[in-house]
Amino acid sequence: MTFALRRGAAAEDRALRHLQRQGLKLLARNWRCARGELDLVMDDAGTLVLVEVRSRARADYGGALESVQARKRQRLVRAAQAYLAAHPQYARRSARFDVVVFEGDAPPQWIKAAFDAED
């Protein structure tokens, strides 16, 4: 496993722990399909939460949040649609896209409803 993959997995571990401390429950991790990947799929009191985790050791090329650009958001929306098709029990739930970012050694920043499916 490369350093970047290890760092990404560690960020996902930290994000998962942070969200679980806030009361969210894990439904899936690293759910993959032809349309993309969902880092974390969580339940927040009945709301389906699709979480993208981003980590940047340095901001030389932009911050972690800025890296979730339109193309990435579109892939996340398509992956979410595939997830809902594969898990119809969640299709009637409200859903949101959250982003958890790590910048250097700073604590995690959790952005609820970071973007909409229409963005």
Protein backbone atom coordinates (compact mmCIF):
# COMPACT_ATOMS: atom_id res chain seq x y z
CA MET A 1 0.00 0.00 0.00
CA THR A 2 1.37 3.38 -0.97
CA PHE A 3 1.87 6.21 1.48
CA ALA A 4 -1.05 8.14 -0.02
CA LEU A 5 -3.37 5.14 0.34
CA ARG A 6 -2.28 4.62 3.95
CA ARG A 7 -2.84 8.30 4.71
CA GLY A 8 -6.28 8.13 3.08
CA ALA A 9 -7.25 5.02 5.05
CA ALA A 10 -6.07 6.65 8.28
CA ALA A 11 -8.16 9.75 7.50
CA GLU A 12 -11.20 7.56 6.87
CA ASP A 13 -10.59 5.80 10.21
CA ARG A 14 -10.42 9.15 11.98
CA ALA A 15 -13.50 10.47 10.18
CA LEU A 16 -15.45 7.32 11.04
CA ARG A 17 -14.56 7.60 14.73
CA HIS A 18 -15.45 11.30 14.73
CA LEU A 19 -18.85 10.71 13.13
CA GLN A 20 -19.63 7.75 15.38
CA ARG A 21 -18.90 9.94 18.42
CA GLN A 22 -21.50 12.34 17.02
CA GLY A 23 -24.06 9.50 16.96
CA LEU A 24 -23.92 8.39 13.32
CA LYS A 25 -23.99 4.68 12.52
CA LEU A 26 -21.90 3.06 9.81
CA LEU A 27 -23.80 1.33 7.00
CA ALA A 28 -20.95 0.85 4.50
CA ARG A 29 -17.31 1.76 4.02
CA ASN A 30 -15.50 2.13 0.70
CA TRP A 31 -18.56 1.07 -1.25
CA ARG A 32 -17.48 0.74 -4.88
CA CYS A 33 -19.30 0.45 -8.16
CA ALA A 34 -18.55 1.25 -11.79
CA ARG A 35 -19.74 4.82 -11.20
CA GLY A 36 -17.41 5.60 -8.31
CA GLU A 37 -16.81 5.06 -4.62
CA LEU A 38 -18.46 6.22 -1.43
CA ASP A 39 -15.96 6.53 1.42
CA LEU A 40 -18.54 6.19 4.20
CA VAL A 41 -22.27 5.60 4.13
CA MET A 42 -23.79 6.46 7.49
CA ASP A 43 -27.15 6.74 9.20
CA ASP A 44 -27.86 9.97 11.09
CA ALA A 45 -31.15 9.42 12.92
CA GLY A 46 -32.83 8.10 9.77
CA THR A 47 -31.04 10.33 7.26
CA LEU A 48 -28.74 8.58 4.82
CA VAL A 49 -25.38 10.37 4.92
CA LEU A 50 -22.91 9.89 2.07
CA VAL A 51 -19.52 11.01 3.32
CA GLU A 52 -16.48 12.02 1.30
CA VAL A 53 -13.26 12.11 3.33
CA ARG A 54 -10.43 14.37 2.21
CA SER A 55 -7.00 14.83 3.74
CA ARG A 56 -4.19 17.17 2.86
CA ALA A 57 -0.88 17.27 4.67
CA ARG A 58 -0.20 20.70 3.12
CA ALA A 59 -2.28 23.23 1.23
CA ASP A 60 0.29 23.82 -1.55
CA TYR A 61 -2.17 22.64 -4.20
CA GLY A 62 -5.33 23.83 -2.48
CA GLY A 63 -7.09 22.69 0.61
CA ALA A 64 -8.90 19.42 1.17
CA LEU A 65 -12.36 20.91 0.81
CA GLU A 66 -11.49 22.64 -2.45
CA SER A 67 -10.50 19.26 -3.89
CA VAL A 68 -14.16 18.20 -3.96
CA GLN A 69 -14.79 19.91 -7.26
CA ALA A 70 -17.75 19.59 -9.65
CA ARG A 71 -16.44 16.47 -11.40
CA LYS A 72 -15.89 14.68 -8.06
CA ARG A 73 -19.33 15.74 -6.84
CA GLN A 74 -20.89 14.30 -10.01
CA ARG A 75 -19.11 10.98 -9.43
CA LEU A 76 -20.34 10.93 -5.83
CA VAL A 77 -23.92 11.59 -6.95
CA ARG A 78 -23.72 8.78 -9.53
CA ALA A 79 -22.24 6.41 -6.93
CA ALA A 80 -25.01 7.37 -4.50
CA GLN A 81 -27.64 6.60 -7.14
CA ALA A 82 -26.05 3.19 -7.68
CA TYR A 83 -25.92 2.60 -3.92
CA LEU A 84 -29.62 3.39 -3.60
CA ALA A 85 -30.43 1.10 -6.54
CA ALA A 86 -28.47 -1.70 -4.85
CA HIS A 87 -30.02 -0.96 -1.43
CA PRO A 88 -33.67 -0.08 -2.08
CA GLN A 89 -34.45 -0.18 1.65
CA TYR A 90 -32.84 3.29 1.85
CA ALA A 91 -34.49 4.78 -1.25
CA ARG A 92 -37.25 6.63 0.64
CA ARG A 93 -34.93 8.16 3.23
CA SER A 94 -33.78 11.73 3.08
CA ALA A 95 -30.12 11.89 2.12
CA ARG A 96 -27.28 14.36 2.23
CA PHE A 97 -23.68 14.62 1.11
CA ASP A 98 -21.24 15.48 3.88
CA VAL A 99 -17.51 16.08 3.63
CA VAL A 100 -14.98 15.50 6.42
CA VAL A 101 -11.68 17.23 5.81
CA PHE A 102 -8.32 17.01 7.52
CA GLU A 103 -5.81 19.80 6.99
CA GLY A 104 -2.37 19.01 8.37
CA ASP A 105 -2.60 18.30 12.10
CA ALA A 106 -5.83 20.27 12.61
CA PRO A 107 -8.88 18.50 14.02
CA PRO A 108 -11.41 17.24 11.49
CA GLN A 109 -13.79 19.68 9.90
CA TRP A 110 -17.22 18.14 9.27
CA ILE A 111 -19.26 19.94 6.65
CA LYS A 112 -22.85 18.75 6.77
CA ALA A 113 -24.80 19.00 3.51
CA ALA A 114 -21.63 20.16 1.75
CA PHE A 115 -23.36 20.00 -1.64
CA ASP A 116 -26.61 18.91 -3.25
CA ALA A 117 -27.17 16.28 -5.90
CA GLU A 118 -28.05 19.12 -8.30
CA ASP A 119 -24.71 20.96 -7.83
